[in-house]
C-alpha atoms as a PDB file:
ATOM      1  CA  MET A   1      31.108   5.090  16.127  1.00  0.00           C
ATOM      2  CA  SER A   2      33.084   2.129  18.266  1.00  0.00           C
ATOM      3  CA  LEU A   3      36.614   3.100  16.657  1.00  0.00           C
ATOM      4  CA  TRP A   4      35.990   6.941  17.420  1.00  0.00           C
ATOM      5  CA  LEU A   5      34.947   6.351  21.052  1.00  0.00           C
ATOM      6  CA  ASP A   6      37.722   3.467  21.879  1.00  0.00           C
ATOM      7  CA  GLY A   7      40.569   4.025  19.369  1.00  0.00           C
ATOM      8  CA  THR A   8      40.723   8.458  19.232  1.00  0.00           C
ATOM      9  CA  PRO A   9      43.099   9.151  22.004  1.00  0.00           C
ATOM     10  CA  ASP A  10      41.388  12.433  24.535  1.00  0.00           C
ATOM     11  CA  ALA A  11      37.989  11.975  22.554  1.00  0.00           C
ATOM     12  CA  GLY A  12      35.137   9.348  23.643  1.00  0.00           C
ATOM     13  CA  ASN A  13      35.630   6.897  26.203  1.00  0.00           C
ATOM     14  CA  LEU A  14      39.391   7.858  26.337  1.00  0.00           C
ATOM     15  CA  ARG A  15      39.020  11.289  27.571  1.00  0.00           C
ATOM     16  CA  LYS A  16      38.663  12.677  31.155  1.00  0.00           C
ATOM     17  CA  HIS A  17      34.974  13.282  31.658  1.00  0.00           C
ATOM     18  CA  GLY A  18      34.413  17.291  32.628  1.00  0.00           C
ATOM     19  CA  THR A  19      32.285  16.315  35.439  1.00  0.00           C
ATOM     20  CA  THR A  20      33.679  12.870  37.457  1.00  0.00           C
ATOM     21  CA  GLY A  21      37.654  13.926  36.404  1.00  0.00           C
ATOM     22  CA  LEU A  22      37.476   9.823  35.517  1.00  0.00           C
ATOM     23  CA  VAL A  23      38.527   8.165  31.866  1.00  0.00           C
ATOM     24  CA  PRO A  24      35.020   6.053  31.118  1.00  0.00           C
ATOM     25  CA  ASN A  25      37.035   3.347  30.109  1.00  0.00           C
ATOM     26  CA  GLU A  26      39.080   2.728  33.507  1.00  0.00           C
ATOM     27  CA  ALA A  27      36.206   4.075  35.485  1.00  0.00           C
ATOM     28  CA  TYR A  28      34.228   1.153  33.753  1.00  0.00           C
ATOM     29  CA  LEU A  29      37.207  -1.574  34.098  1.00  0.00           C
ATOM     30  CA  SER A  30      36.764  -0.708  38.308  1.00  0.00           C
ATOM     31  CA  GLU A  31      33.073  -0.859  38.465  1.00  0.00           C
ATOM     32  CA  ARG A  32      32.594  -4.160  36.032  1.00  0.00           C
ATOM     33  CA  GLU A  33      32.389  -6.738  38.853  1.00  0.00           C
ATOM     34  CA  PHE A  34      29.847  -4.668  40.678  1.00  0.00           C
ATOM     35  CA  LEU A  35      27.337  -4.588  37.589  1.00  0.00           C
ATOM     36  CA  ILE A  36      24.593  -7.080  36.883  1.00  0.00           C
ATOM     37  CA  LYS A  37      23.843  -8.168  33.604  1.00  0.00           C
ATOM     38  CA  LEU A  38      20.301  -7.251  32.113  1.00  0.00           C
ATOM     39  CA  PRO A  39      18.080  -9.755  31.389  1.00  0.00           C
ATOM     40  CA  GLU A  40      17.053 -10.096  27.444  1.00  0.00           C
ATOM     41  CA  GLY A  41      13.864 -10.949  27.753  1.00  0.00           C
ATOM     42  CA  LYS A  42      12.828  -8.347  30.361  1.00  0.00           C
ATOM     43  CA  PHE A  43      13.094  -5.534  28.348  1.00  0.00           C
ATOM     44  CA  PRO A  44      11.688  -4.683  24.575  1.00  0.00           C
ATOM     45  CA  VAL A  45      14.099  -4.253  22.237  1.00  0.00           C
ATOM     46  CA  TYR A  46      12.259  -3.528  19.563  1.00  0.00           C
ATOM     47  CA  VAL A  47       9.563  -0.467  18.102  1.00  0.00           C
ATOM     48  CA  GLU A  48       6.066  -1.525  17.851  1.00  0.00           C
ATOM     49  CA  GLU A  49       3.853   0.177  15.159  1.00  0.00           C
ATOM     50  CA  PRO A  50       0.484  -1.027  13.585  1.00  0.00           C
ATOM     51  CA  ARG A  51       0.593  -1.120   9.772  1.00  0.00           C
ATOM     52  CA  VAL A  52      -1.719  -1.236   6.839  1.00  0.00           C
ATOM     53  CA  VAL A  53      -1.437  -3.879   4.363  1.00  0.00           C
ATOM     54  CA  ASP A  54      -2.560  -3.407   1.190  1.00  0.00           C
ATOM     55  CA  GLY A  55      -4.761  -5.562  -1.156  1.00  0.00           C
ATOM     56  CA  ASP A  56      -1.351  -6.982  -2.857  1.00  0.00           C
ATOM     57  CA  SER A  57       0.061  -8.354   0.424  1.00  0.00           C
ATOM     58  CA  THR A  58       2.790  -6.073   0.786  1.00  0.00           C
ATOM     59  CA  LEU A  59       3.880  -3.003   3.367  1.00  0.00           C
ATOM     60  CA  SER A  60       6.361  -0.481   3.598  1.00  0.00           C
ATOM     61  CA  VAL A  61       9.364  -0.820   5.928  1.00  0.00           C
ATOM     62  CA  TYR A  62      12.083   2.298   6.381  1.00  0.00           C
ATOM     63  CA  GLY A  63      11.606   2.531   2.228  1.00  0.00           C
ATOM     64  CA  VAL A  64      11.013  -0.560   0.679  1.00  0.00           C
ATOM     65  CA  ARG A  65       8.234  -3.071   0.004  1.00  0.00           C
ATOM     66  CA  TYR A  66       7.684  -6.364   1.150  1.00  0.00           C
ATOM     67  CA  THR A  67       5.339  -8.815   0.841  1.00  0.00           C
ATOM     68  CA  VAL A  68       3.631 -10.760   3.223  1.00  0.00           C
ATOM     69  CA  PRO A  69       1.608 -13.942   3.537  1.00  0.00           C
ATOM     70  CA  ALA A  70      -1.600 -13.553   1.750  1.00  0.00           C
ATOM     71  CA  VAL A  71      -3.743 -14.139   4.960  1.00  0.00           C
ATOM     72  CA  LEU A  72      -2.910 -10.209   5.860  1.00  0.00           C
ATOM     73  CA  ALA A  73      -3.843  -8.620   2.778  1.00  0.00           C
ATOM     74  CA  PHE A  74      -6.440  -5.885   3.784  1.00  0.00           C
ATOM     75  CA  ARG A  75      -5.768  -6.007   7.691  1.00  0.00           C
ATOM     76  CA  THR A  76      -3.750  -4.056   9.733  1.00  0.00           C
ATOM     77  CA  ALA A  77      -0.931  -6.193  10.681  1.00  0.00           C
ATOM     78  CA  VAL A  78       1.878  -4.983  13.838  1.00  0.00           C
ATOM     79  CA  VAL A  79       5.352  -4.830  12.865  1.00  0.00           C
ATOM     80  CA  ARG A  80       8.512  -5.138  15.232  1.00  0.00           C
ATOM     81  CA  LEU A  81      11.229  -3.021  14.471  1.00  0.00           C
ATOM     82  CA  TYR A  82      14.529  -4.535  15.620  1.00  0.00           C
ATOM     83  CA  ALA A  83      17.874  -3.518  14.674  1.00  0.00           C
ATOM     84  CA  ASN A  84      19.052  -5.679  12.489  1.00  0.00           C
ATOM     85  CA  HIS A  85      15.335  -7.332  11.172  1.00  0.00           C
ATOM     86  CA  PHE A  86      11.499  -7.364  12.009  1.00  0.00           C
ATOM     87  CA  GLU A  87       8.680  -9.215  12.403  1.00  0.00           C
ATOM     88  CA  VAL A  88       5.278  -9.196  11.281  1.00  0.00           C
ATOM     89  CA  LEU A  89       2.352 -10.108  13.949  1.00  0.00           C
ATOM     90  CA  ASP A  90      -1.528 -10.936  13.127  1.00  0.00           C
ATOM     91  CA  SER A  91      -4.131  -9.592  14.609  1.00  0.00           C
ATOM     92  CA  LYS A  92      -3.622 -12.445  17.522  1.00  0.00           C
ATOM     93  CA  GLY A  93      -0.411 -11.533  18.110  1.00  0.00           C
ATOM     94  CA  LEU A  94       0.893 -14.608  16.274  1.00  0.00           C
ATOM     95  CA  ILE A  95       4.520 -14.135  14.262  1.00  0.00           C
ATOM     96  CA  GLN A  96       3.290 -14.685  10.736  1.00  0.00           C
ATOM     97  CA  MET A  97       7.083 -14.052   8.763  1.00  0.00           C
ATOM     98  CA  THR A  98      10.426 -12.585  10.069  1.00  0.00           C
ATOM     99  CA  ARG A  99      13.049 -11.092   7.939  1.00  0.00           C
ATOM    100  CA  LYS A 100      16.251  -8.985   7.848  1.00  0.00           C
ATOM    101  CA  TYR A 101      16.257  -5.360   6.780  1.00  0.00           C
ATOM    102  CA  VAL A 102      17.135  -4.812   2.583  1.00  0.00           C
ATOM    103  CA  ALA A 103      19.261  -1.375   2.430  1.00  0.00           C
ATOM    104  CA  PRO A 104      16.664   1.124   0.455  1.00  0.00           C
ATOM    105  CA  GLU A 105      19.984   1.513  -1.875  1.00  0.00           C
ATOM    106  CA  GLU A 106      19.778  -1.918  -2.940  1.00  0.00           C
ATOM    107  CA  HIS A 107      16.281  -1.944  -4.090  1.00  0.00           C
ATOM    108  CA  PRO A 108      15.420   1.974  -3.972  1.00  0.00           C
ATOM    109  CA  GLY A 109      11.357   2.276  -4.128  1.00  0.00           C
ATOM    110  CA  SER A 110      11.350  -1.631  -5.438  1.00  0.00           C
ATOM    111  CA  LEU A 111       9.405  -4.740  -3.916  1.00  0.00           C
ATOM    112  CA  VAL A 112      11.252  -7.400  -2.245  1.00  0.00           C
ATOM    113  CA  ILE A 113       9.004 -10.479  -2.562  1.00  0.00           C
ATOM    114  CA  ASP A 114       8.911 -13.965  -1.246  1.00  0.00           C
ATOM    115  CA  SER A 115       7.081 -16.026  -3.329  1.00  0.00           C
ATOM    116  CA  THR A 116       6.096 -18.315  -0.630  1.00  0.00           C
ATOM    117  CA  HIS A 117       3.745 -15.957   0.753  1.00  0.00           C
ATOM    118  CA  TYR A 118       1.484 -16.226  -2.380  1.00  0.00           C
ATOM    119  CA  ALA A 119       1.816 -20.325  -2.675  1.00  0.00           C
ATOM    120  CA  ASN A 120      -2.039 -20.706  -1.393  1.00  0.00           C
ATOM    121  CA  LEU A 121      -3.587 -18.408  -3.344  1.00  0.00           C
ATOM    122  CA  PRO A 122      -5.443 -19.937  -6.438  1.00  0.00           C
ATOM    123  CA  ARG A 123      -4.143 -19.844  -9.928  1.00  0.00           C
ATOM    124  CA  GLN A 124      -5.362 -17.464 -12.601  1.00  0.00           C
ATOM    125  CA  PRO A 125      -8.631 -18.202 -13.812  1.00  0.00           C
ATOM    126  CA  ARG A 126      -9.562 -18.692 -17.831  1.00  0.00           C
ATOM    127  CA  ASN A 127     -12.084 -17.272 -19.515  1.00  0.00           C
ATOM    128  CA  SER A 128     -15.046 -19.228 -21.056  1.00  0.00           C
ATOM    129  CA  ASP A 129     -13.151 -19.800 -24.187  1.00  0.00           C
ATOM    130  CA  GLY A 130     -10.288 -21.227 -22.275  1.00  0.00           C
ATOM    131  CA  ARG A 131      -7.748 -18.140 -22.340  1.00  0.00           C
ATOM    132  CA  ARG A 132      -6.155 -17.035 -19.307  1.00  0.00           C
ATOM    133  CA  GLN A 133      -7.321 -13.495 -18.328  1.00  0.00           C
ATOM    134  CA  ASP A 134      -4.287 -11.842 -19.183  1.00  0.00           C
ATOM    135  CA  GLN A 135      -4.097 -13.562 -22.833  1.00  0.00           C
ATOM    136  CA  ALA A 136      -7.808 -12.279 -23.381  1.00  0.00           C
ATOM    137  CA  PHE A 137      -7.079  -8.867 -21.807  1.00  0.00           C
ATOM    138  CA  VAL A 138      -4.044  -8.169 -23.945  1.00  0.00           C
ATOM    139  CA  ASP A 139      -5.987  -9.886 -27.188  1.00  0.00           C
ATOM    140  CA  ARG A 140      -8.456  -6.909 -26.306  1.00  0.00           C
ATOM    141  CA  PHE A 141      -5.865  -3.674 -25.447  1.00  0.00           C
ATOM    142  CA  PRO A 142      -2.625  -5.004 -27.319  1.00  0.00           C
ATOM    143  CA  MET A 143      -1.248  -1.354 -27.186  1.00  0.00           C
ATOM    144  CA  LEU A 144      -1.098  -2.067 -23.085  1.00  0.00           C
ATOM    145  CA  GLU A 145       0.617  -5.419 -23.388  1.00  0.00           C
ATOM    146  CA  ALA A 146       3.564  -3.710 -20.955  1.00  0.00           C
ATOM    147  CA  LEU A 147       1.280  -2.406 -18.383  1.00  0.00           C
ATOM    148  CA  VAL A 148       0.107  -5.954 -18.428  1.00  0.00           C
ATOM    149  CA  ASP A 149       3.204  -7.934 -18.091  1.00  0.00           C
ATOM    150  CA  GLY A 150       4.202  -5.176 -15.343  1.00  0.00           C
ATOM    151  CA  ILE A 151       1.356  -5.824 -13.510  1.00  0.00           C
ATOM    152  CA  LYS A 152       2.020  -9.998 -13.504  1.00  0.00           C
ATOM    153  CA  MET A 153       5.816  -9.195 -12.654  1.00  0.00           C
ATOM    154  CA  LYS A 154       4.833  -6.819  -9.430  1.00  0.00           C
ATOM    155  CA  MET A 155       1.638  -8.212  -8.319  1.00  0.00           C
ATOM    156  CA  LYS A 156       2.306 -11.705  -8.911  1.00  0.00           C
ATOM    157  CA  SER A 157      -1.001 -14.120  -7.455  1.00  0.00           C
ATOM    158  CA  PHE A 158      -3.256 -10.779  -7.384  1.00  0.00           C
ATOM    159  CA  ALA A 159      -2.649  -9.978 -11.059  1.00  0.00           C
ATOM    160  CA  SER A 160      -5.978 -11.164 -11.937  1.00  0.00           C
ATOM    161  CA  ILE A 161      -7.428  -8.861  -9.540  1.00  0.00           C
ATOM    162  CA  HIS A 162      -5.833  -5.517 -10.766  1.00  0.00           C
ATOM    163  CA  LEU A 163      -6.833  -6.868 -14.179  1.00  0.00           C
ATOM    164  CA  ARG A 164     -10.459  -7.183 -13.545  1.00  0.00           C
ATOM    165  CA  SER A 165      -9.963  -3.474 -11.873  1.00  0.00           C
ATOM    166  CA  LEU A 166      -9.127  -2.418 -15.229  1.00  0.00           C
ATOM    167  CA  LEU A 167     -11.449  -3.894 -17.336  1.00  0.00           C
ATOM    168  CA  ARG A 168     -14.378  -2.418 -15.109  1.00  0.00           C
ATOM    169  CA  MET A 169     -12.970   0.593 -15.717  1.00  0.00           C
ATOM    170  CA  ALA A 170     -12.787   0.549 -19.294  1.00  0.00           C
ATOM    171  CA  VAL A 171     -16.286   0.187 -18.977  1.00  0.00           C
ATOM    172  CA  GLU A 172     -17.207   3.388 -16.379  1.00  0.00           C
ATOM    173  CA  TYR A 173     -15.111   5.656 -18.053  1.00  0.00           C
ATOM    174  CA  GLY A 174     -15.240   4.556 -21.634  1.00  0.00           C
ATOM    175  CA  GLU A 175     -12.211   2.803 -23.680  1.00  0.00           C
ATOM    176  CA  PRO A 176     -10.741   5.889 -25.337  1.00  0.00           C
ATOM    177  CA  ALA A 177     -10.130   7.587 -21.868  1.00  0.00           C
ATOM    178  CA  PHE A 178      -9.453   4.112 -20.026  1.00  0.00           C
ATOM    179  CA  ILE A 179      -6.809   3.650 -23.027  1.00  0.00           C
ATOM    180  CA  VAL A 180      -5.146   7.044 -22.355  1.00  0.00           C
ATOM    181  CA  ALA A 181      -4.809   6.657 -18.698  1.00  0.00           C
ATOM    182  CA  ALA A 182      -3.811   3.278 -18.899  1.00  0.00           C
ATOM    183  CA  THR A 183      -1.200   4.435 -21.541  1.00  0.00           C
ATOM    184  CA  LYS A 184       0.277   7.345 -18.805  1.00  0.00           C
ATOM    185  CA  ALA A 185       0.396   4.665 -16.548  1.00  0.00           C
ATOM    186  CA  GLN A 186       2.428   2.308 -18.517  1.00  0.00           C
ATOM    187  CA  LYS A 187       4.923   4.932 -19.884  1.00  0.00           C
ATOM    188  CA  ASN A 188       5.635   6.034 -15.923  1.00  0.00           C
ATOM    189  CA  ARG A 189       5.747   2.597 -15.221  1.00  0.00           C
ATOM    190  CA  ARG A 190       2.863   2.587 -12.561  1.00  0.00           C
ATOM    191  CA  PHE A 191       1.980  -0.989 -12.666  1.00  0.00           C
ATOM    192  CA  ASP A 192      -1.070  -0.705 -10.571  1.00  0.00           C
ATOM    193  CA  ALA A 193      -5.089  -0.622 -11.135  1.00  0.00           C
ATOM    194  CA  ASN A 194      -4.878   2.037  -8.492  1.00  0.00           C
ATOM    195  CA  ALA A 195      -2.403   4.460 -10.531  1.00  0.00           C
ATOM    196  CA  VAL A 196      -4.960   3.915 -13.643  1.00  0.00           C
ATOM    197  CA  LYS A 197      -7.860   5.282 -11.451  1.00  0.00           C
ATOM    198  CA  ARG A 198      -6.310   8.119 -10.236  1.00  0.00           C
ATOM    199  CA  ILE A 199      -5.865   8.725 -13.534  1.00  0.00           C
ATOM    200  CA  LEU A 200      -8.773   8.348 -14.560  1.00  0.00           C
ATOM    201  CA  GLU A 201     -10.236  10.272 -11.688  1.00  0.00           C
ATOM    202  CA  GLN A 202      -8.424  13.334 -12.337  1.00  0.00           C
ATOM    203  CA  GLU A 203      -9.072  13.722 -16.000  1.00  0.00           C
ATOM    204  CA  HIS A 204     -12.987  12.602 -15.310  1.00  0.00           C
ATOM    205  CA  PRO A 205     -14.306  13.377 -12.323  1.00  0.00           C
ATOM    206  CA  VAL A 206     -17.234  11.448 -13.239  1.00  0.00           C
ATOM    207  CA  ALA A 207     -17.683   8.121 -15.034  1.00  0.00           C
ATOM    208  CA  LEU A 208     -19.345   7.648 -17.798  1.00  0.00           C
ATOM    209  CA  ASN A 209     -21.943   5.651 -15.810  1.00  0.00           C
ATOM    210  CA  ASP A 210     -22.807   8.093 -13.781  1.00  0.00           C
ATOM    211  CA  LEU A 211     -23.879  10.414 -16.251  1.00  0.00           C
ATOM    212  CA  ALA A 212     -26.331   8.028 -17.293  1.00  0.00           C
ATOM    213  CA  ILE A 213     -27.677   7.155 -13.492  1.00  0.00           C
ATOM    214  CA  GLY A 214     -29.906  10.442 -13.756  1.00  0.00           C
ATOM    215  CA  LYS A 215     -31.432   9.981 -17.767  1.00  0.00           C
ATOM    216  CA  ASP A 216     -31.870   5.925 -16.701  1.00  0.00           C
ATOM    217  CA  LEU A 217     -33.840   7.094 -13.413  1.00  0.00           C
ATOM    218  CA  LEU A 218     -35.584  10.174 -14.449  1.00  0.00           C
ATOM    219  CA  GLY A 219     -36.167   9.058 -18.224  1.00  0.00           C
ATOM    220  CA  ASP A 220     -37.334  12.147 -20.879  1.00  0.00           C
ATOM    221  CA  VAL A 221     -39.426  15.012 -19.090  1.00  0.00           C
ATOM    222  CA  ASP A 222     -42.046  16.810 -21.092  1.00  0.00           C
ATOM    223  CA  GLU A 223     -41.848  19.992 -19.909  1.00  0.00           C
ATOM    224  CA  ASP A 224     -45.667  20.760 -19.978  1.00  0.00           C
ATOM    225  CA  PHE A 225     -45.574  17.923 -17.221  1.00  0.00           C
ATOM    226  CA  LEU A 226     -43.913  20.080 -14.636  1.00  0.00           C
ATOM    227  CA  ASP A 227     -46.551  22.763 -14.556  1.00  0.00           C
ATOM    228  CA  ILE A 228     -48.347  20.807 -12.352  1.00  0.00           C
ATOM    229  CA  PHE A 229     -46.015  21.224  -9.791  1.00  0.00           C
ATOM    230  CA  ALA A 230     -46.068  25.357 -10.104  1.00  0.00           C
ATOM    231  CA  PRO A 231     -49.193  25.962  -7.781  1.00  0.00           C
ATOM    232  CA  LEU A 232     -46.787  24.242  -5.180  1.00  0.00           C
ATOM    233  CA  ASP A 233     -43.799  27.572  -5.462  1.00  0.00           C
ATOM    234  CA  LYS A 234     -46.883  29.906  -4.153  1.00  0.00           C
ATOM    235  CA  GLN A 235     -47.643  27.825  -1.319  1.00  0.00           C
ATOM    236  CA  THR A 236     -46.434  28.621   2.487  1.00  0.00           C
ATOM    237  CA  ASN A 237     -43.729  26.420   3.913  1.00  0.00           C
ATOM    238  CA  THR A 238     -45.279  25.038   6.594  1.00  0.00           C
ATOM    239  CA  ASN A 239     -41.936  24.514   8.262  1.00  0.00           C
ATOM    240  CA  GLU A 240     -41.419  28.345   7.975  1.00  0.00           C
ATOM    241  CA  SER A 241     -44.907  29.204   9.129  1.00  0.00           C
ATOM    242  CA  GLU A 242     -44.968  27.611  12.235  1.00  0.00           C
ATOM    243  CA  LYS A 243     -41.714  28.971  13.390  1.00  0.00           C
END
């Protein structure tokens, strides 16, 4: 842009302005000594936007996802977008992080991770038999090992949360339906428990546990038992008679 403005004859700042009849660069030189420099701190030089930080402590800026400090997970943060960098502020207005933009073409659809954001999180819990949660999951569902590896790589310290969520889905929807959905997510490299959940919700709108609730509450009702309520059908609706 600057090359076109100041380096192209009869164009940009080198052309004669149609209204003033002056060449912009020449007019600027004649007026420069009378101009007052604006104070940098008085006027904002950024765009400020609220952003929701997801459960993995990440947010999206110009098409690229960045990790942010784990204390901001599940919260609304304020993002200040400058020309070459951005800042993330918490609800009290304190700056939690500052970093330069990453070009989308360098990381299309990927995640830019700063490991220090997860430094204070607890380590992955172990099961009662001493095995790590990811190992126990793979032992139970060996066909989903690639999914587990992808979740561990993408979600880092939040991986255990996603694995626990997957285990709940296996119970809620049944293992056959869960395996089919998780395999689809794995094939499409959707290393996220929420992706598996969306597939299950689309293909199985009612979970097995939901189907069982009615039976658990009502039990097996004898048809003859319902006959005692038959007279109610013949009674006048009290609300209708009052109208």
